[in-house]
Protein backbone atom coordinates (compact mmCIF):
# COMPACT_ATOMS: atom_id res chain seq x y z
CA MET A 1 -150.22 -149.54 109.10
CA PHE A 2 -150.83 -153.28 109.35
CA MET A 3 -147.69 -154.08 107.31
CA LYS A 4 -145.59 -151.94 109.63
CA PHE A 5 -146.95 -153.83 112.63
CA ARG A 6 -146.23 -157.19 110.98
CA TYR A 7 -142.70 -156.05 110.19
CA HIS A 8 -142.05 -155.08 113.81
CA VAL A 9 -143.45 -158.37 115.07
CA LEU A 10 -141.27 -160.30 112.63
CA VAL A 11 -138.14 -158.39 113.63
CA ASN A 12 -138.86 -158.95 117.33
CA VAL A 13 -139.38 -162.68 116.79
CA ILE A 14 -136.10 -162.94 114.87
CA VAL A 15 -134.21 -161.06 117.60
CA VAL A 16 -135.64 -163.27 120.35
CA VAL A 17 -134.85 -166.48 118.45
CA LEU A 18 -131.32 -165.25 117.74
CA PHE A 19 -130.80 -164.32 121.39
CA ILE A 20 -132.00 -167.71 122.61
CA THR A 21 -129.85 -169.52 120.04
CA LEU A 22 -126.71 -167.59 121.00
CA SER A 23 -127.44 -168.07 124.71
CA PHE A 24 -127.24 -171.83 124.32
CA ALA A 25 -124.31 -171.81 121.86
CA PRO A 26 -121.72 -173.08 124.40
CA PHE A 27 -123.82 -176.19 124.97
CA PHE A 28 -123.95 -176.90 121.24
CA SER A 29 -120.35 -175.92 120.49
CA PRO A 30 -117.75 -176.95 123.05
CA GLU A 31 -115.18 -175.11 120.93
CA LEU A 32 -116.38 -171.82 122.45
CA LYS A 33 -115.47 -173.02 125.94
CA LYS A 34 -111.82 -173.30 124.91
CA PHE A 35 -111.60 -169.52 124.62
CA SER A 36 -112.03 -169.17 128.38
CA SER A 37 -108.42 -170.35 128.70
CA PRO A 38 -105.84 -167.60 128.11
CA GLU A 39 -103.26 -170.16 126.93
CA TYR A 40 -105.55 -171.52 124.22
CA THR A 41 -106.56 -168.01 123.16
CA ARG A 42 -102.91 -166.92 122.96
CA THR A 43 -102.03 -169.91 120.79
CA PHE A 44 -105.06 -169.28 118.60
CA ILE A 45 -104.20 -165.61 118.08
CA LEU A 46 -100.51 -166.21 117.44
CA SER A 47 -101.31 -168.88 114.87
CA TYR A 48 -102.32 -166.09 112.48
CA GLY A 49 -98.76 -164.77 112.30
CA LYS A 50 -98.51 -161.20 111.04
CA TYR A 51 -102.33 -161.00 110.95
CA ALA A 52 -102.61 -161.73 114.68
CA ALA A 53 -103.70 -158.18 115.51
CA ILE A 54 -106.57 -158.38 113.03
CA ALA A 55 -107.54 -161.82 114.35
CA TYR A 56 -107.53 -160.46 117.90
CA VAL A 57 -109.77 -157.51 117.02
CA MET A 58 -112.21 -159.78 115.19
CA LEU A 59 -112.22 -162.24 118.09
CA VAL A 60 -113.00 -159.49 120.61
CA ALA A 61 -115.73 -158.15 118.32
CA ALA A 62 -117.20 -161.64 118.00
CA SER A 63 -117.18 -162.09 121.79
CA VAL A 64 -119.83 -159.38 122.18
CA PRO A 65 -122.81 -161.32 120.77
CA LEU A 66 -121.41 -164.77 121.60
CA PRO A 67 -121.36 -166.11 125.14
CA VAL A 68 -117.57 -166.08 125.35
CA PRO A 69 -115.99 -164.59 128.48
CA SER A 70 -114.17 -161.38 127.58
CA THR A 71 -111.72 -161.33 130.51
CA PRO A 72 -109.42 -164.06 129.13
CA LEU A 73 -109.51 -162.37 125.72
CA VAL A 74 -108.47 -159.00 127.15
CA LEU A 75 -105.75 -160.55 129.31
CA THR A 76 -104.41 -162.47 126.34
CA GLY A 77 -104.44 -159.34 124.20
CA GLY A 78 -102.43 -157.50 126.82
CA TYR A 79 -99.97 -160.35 127.09
CA VAL A 80 -99.51 -160.86 123.34
CA PHE A 81 -99.41 -157.23 122.24
């Protein structure tokens, strides 16, 4: 019983630390702010050539946990594809 409690506490601490870290990611990585521009996102996606669709799907999937605005990504996806 005690081990189960410790496991839940550890998991909760890890989730909170991960959430706080990802919340402040734009301040630590200015590269994430570039994705708020549809022009930059379009250039980034098209740079993958024939794998652009896969790159777009992975970028949209990565935007869920990262603090990247999804509106420019969706607009760019509609424009490119």
